[in-house]
Amino acid sequence: MIAKTNTGRREKNRDGRAVDTAETPDTARLMRTFGIRFLVLGLVLVVAGETLAALAVLGAGTGLLIASARPRS
């Protein structure tokens, strides 16, 4: 049995308990916000000459943006 809620879809698992099947829109928005902040921080680190730290921060920001854009099924 599937019930529609204001945060997404919920369905019952094998134990009969309701489980969220979709992430809330707030989570995706938060991931996008931090992804953009990490990209900006990475660019600042590139300008400052911290190459290794910049690569790590740019990678984290890119990962967050990709994860926030990926549809959940």
C-alpha atoms as a PDB file:
ATOM      1  CA  MET A   1       0.000   0.000   0.000  1.00  0.00           C
ATOM      2  CA  ILE A   2       1.378   3.387  -0.986  1.00  0.00           C
ATOM      3  CA  ALA A   3       0.285   6.621   0.680  1.00  0.00           C
ATOM      4  CA  LYS A   4       1.034  10.119  -0.591  1.00  0.00           C
ATOM      5  CA  THR A   5       2.446  12.569   1.957  1.00  0.00           C
ATOM      6  CA  ASN A   6       3.615  16.147   1.751  1.00  0.00           C
ATOM      7  CA  THR A   7       7.305  15.110   1.805  1.00  0.00           C
ATOM      8  CA  GLY A   8       7.167  12.457  -0.899  1.00  0.00           C
ATOM      9  CA  ARG A   9       6.027   8.871  -1.280  1.00  0.00           C
ATOM     10  CA  ARG A  10       5.792   6.389   1.569  1.00  0.00           C
ATOM     11  CA  GLU A  11       5.247   2.693   1.299  1.00  0.00           C
ATOM     12  CA  LYS A  12       5.112  -0.166   3.731  1.00  0.00           C
ATOM     13  CA  ASN A  13       8.049  -2.527   3.971  1.00  0.00           C
ATOM     14  CA  ARG A  14       7.882  -6.246   4.777  1.00  0.00           C
ATOM     15  CA  ASP A  15       7.463  -5.537   8.494  1.00  0.00           C
ATOM     16  CA  GLY A  16       4.450  -3.316   7.843  1.00  0.00           C
ATOM     17  CA  ARG A  17       6.192  -0.095   8.834  1.00  0.00           C
ATOM     18  CA  ALA A  18       5.943   2.977   6.596  1.00  0.00           C
ATOM     19  CA  VAL A  19       9.194   3.978   4.872  1.00  0.00           C
ATOM     20  CA  ASP A  20      10.023   7.097   2.857  1.00  0.00           C
ATOM     21  CA  THR A  21      10.914   6.218  -0.729  1.00  0.00           C
ATOM     22  CA  ALA A  22      11.847   9.708  -1.925  1.00  0.00           C
ATOM     23  CA  GLU A  23      14.063  12.341  -0.409  1.00  0.00           C
ATOM     24  CA  THR A  24      12.519  15.610   0.634  1.00  0.00           C
ATOM     25  CA  PRO A  25      13.012  18.637  -1.627  1.00  0.00           C
ATOM     26  CA  ASP A  26      14.808  20.363   1.250  1.00  0.00           C
ATOM     27  CA  THR A  27      17.613  17.797   1.115  1.00  0.00           C
ATOM     28  CA  ALA A  28      18.237  18.356  -2.586  1.00  0.00           C
ATOM     29  CA  ARG A  29      18.187  22.118  -2.121  1.00  0.00           C
ATOM     30  CA  LEU A  30      20.647  21.878   0.760  1.00  0.00           C
ATOM     31  CA  MET A  31      22.973  19.660  -1.275  1.00  0.00           C
ATOM     32  CA  ARG A  32      22.877  22.154  -4.171  1.00  0.00           C
ATOM     33  CA  THR A  33      23.603  25.054  -1.817  1.00  0.00           C
ATOM     34  CA  PHE A  34      26.632  23.368  -0.273  1.00  0.00           C
ATOM     35  CA  GLY A  35      27.797  22.140  -3.683  1.00  0.00           C
ATOM     36  CA  ILE A  36      27.867  25.708  -4.993  1.00  0.00           C
ATOM     37  CA  ARG A  37      29.620  26.922  -1.848  1.00  0.00           C
ATOM     38  CA  PHE A  38      32.273  24.218  -2.207  1.00  0.00           C
ATOM     39  CA  LEU A  39      32.831  25.152  -5.857  1.00  0.00           C
ATOM     40  CA  VAL A  40      33.320  28.803  -4.932  1.00  0.00           C
ATOM     41  CA  LEU A  41      35.679  27.843  -2.106  1.00  0.00           C
ATOM     42  CA  GLY A  42      37.614  25.632  -4.518  1.00  0.00           C
ATOM     43  CA  LEU A  43      38.043  28.516  -6.943  1.00  0.00           C
ATOM     44  CA  VAL A  44      39.264  30.742  -4.112  1.00  0.00           C
ATOM     45  CA  LEU A  45      41.805  28.069  -3.163  1.00  0.00           C
ATOM     46  CA  VAL A  46      42.981  27.853  -6.789  1.00  0.00           C
ATOM     47  CA  VAL A  47      43.606  31.600  -6.801  1.00  0.00           C
ATOM     48  CA  ALA A  48      45.437  31.304  -3.480  1.00  0.00           C
ATOM     49  CA  GLY A  49      47.698  28.594  -4.904  1.00  0.00           C
ATOM     50  CA  GLU A  50      46.508  25.680  -2.755  1.00  0.00           C
ATOM     51  CA  THR A  51      46.198  23.179  -5.592  1.00  0.00           C
ATOM     52  CA  LEU A  52      45.678  19.919  -3.683  1.00  0.00           C
ATOM     53  CA  ALA A  53      43.096  21.395  -1.307  1.00  0.00           C
ATOM     54  CA  ALA A  54      41.337  23.041  -4.243  1.00  0.00           C
ATOM     55  CA  LEU A  55      41.049  19.734  -6.081  1.00  0.00           C
ATOM     56  CA  ALA A  56      39.528  18.058  -3.030  1.00  0.00           C
ATOM     57  CA  VAL A  57      37.011  20.839  -2.434  1.00  0.00           C
ATOM     58  CA  LEU A  58      36.081  21.095  -6.130  1.00  0.00           C
ATOM     59  CA  GLY A  59      35.565  17.332  -6.233  1.00  0.00           C
ATOM     60  CA  ALA A  60      33.291  17.439  -3.186  1.00  0.00           C
ATOM     61  CA  GLY A  61      31.279  20.323  -4.626  1.00  0.00           C
ATOM     62  CA  THR A  62      30.883  18.587  -7.971  1.00  0.00           C
ATOM     63  CA  GLY A  63      29.795  15.390  -6.247  1.00  0.00           C
ATOM     64  CA  LEU A  64      27.154  17.202  -4.231  1.00  0.00           C
ATOM     65  CA  LEU A  65      25.773  18.937  -7.316  1.00  0.00           C
ATOM     66  CA  ILE A  66      25.595  15.670  -9.249  1.00  0.00           C
ATOM     67  CA  ALA A  67      23.930  13.872  -6.343  1.00  0.00           C
ATOM     68  CA  SER A  68      21.372  16.645  -5.882  1.00  0.00           C
ATOM     69  CA  ALA A  69      20.395  16.574  -9.561  1.00  0.00           C
ATOM     70  CA  ARG A  70      20.061  12.785  -9.810  1.00  0.00           C
ATOM     71  CA  PRO A  71      16.415  11.650  -9.659  1.00  0.00           C
ATOM     72  CA  ARG A  72      15.539   9.219  -6.865  1.00  0.00           C
ATOM     73  CA  SER A  73      13.361   6.247  -7.690  1.00  0.00           C
END
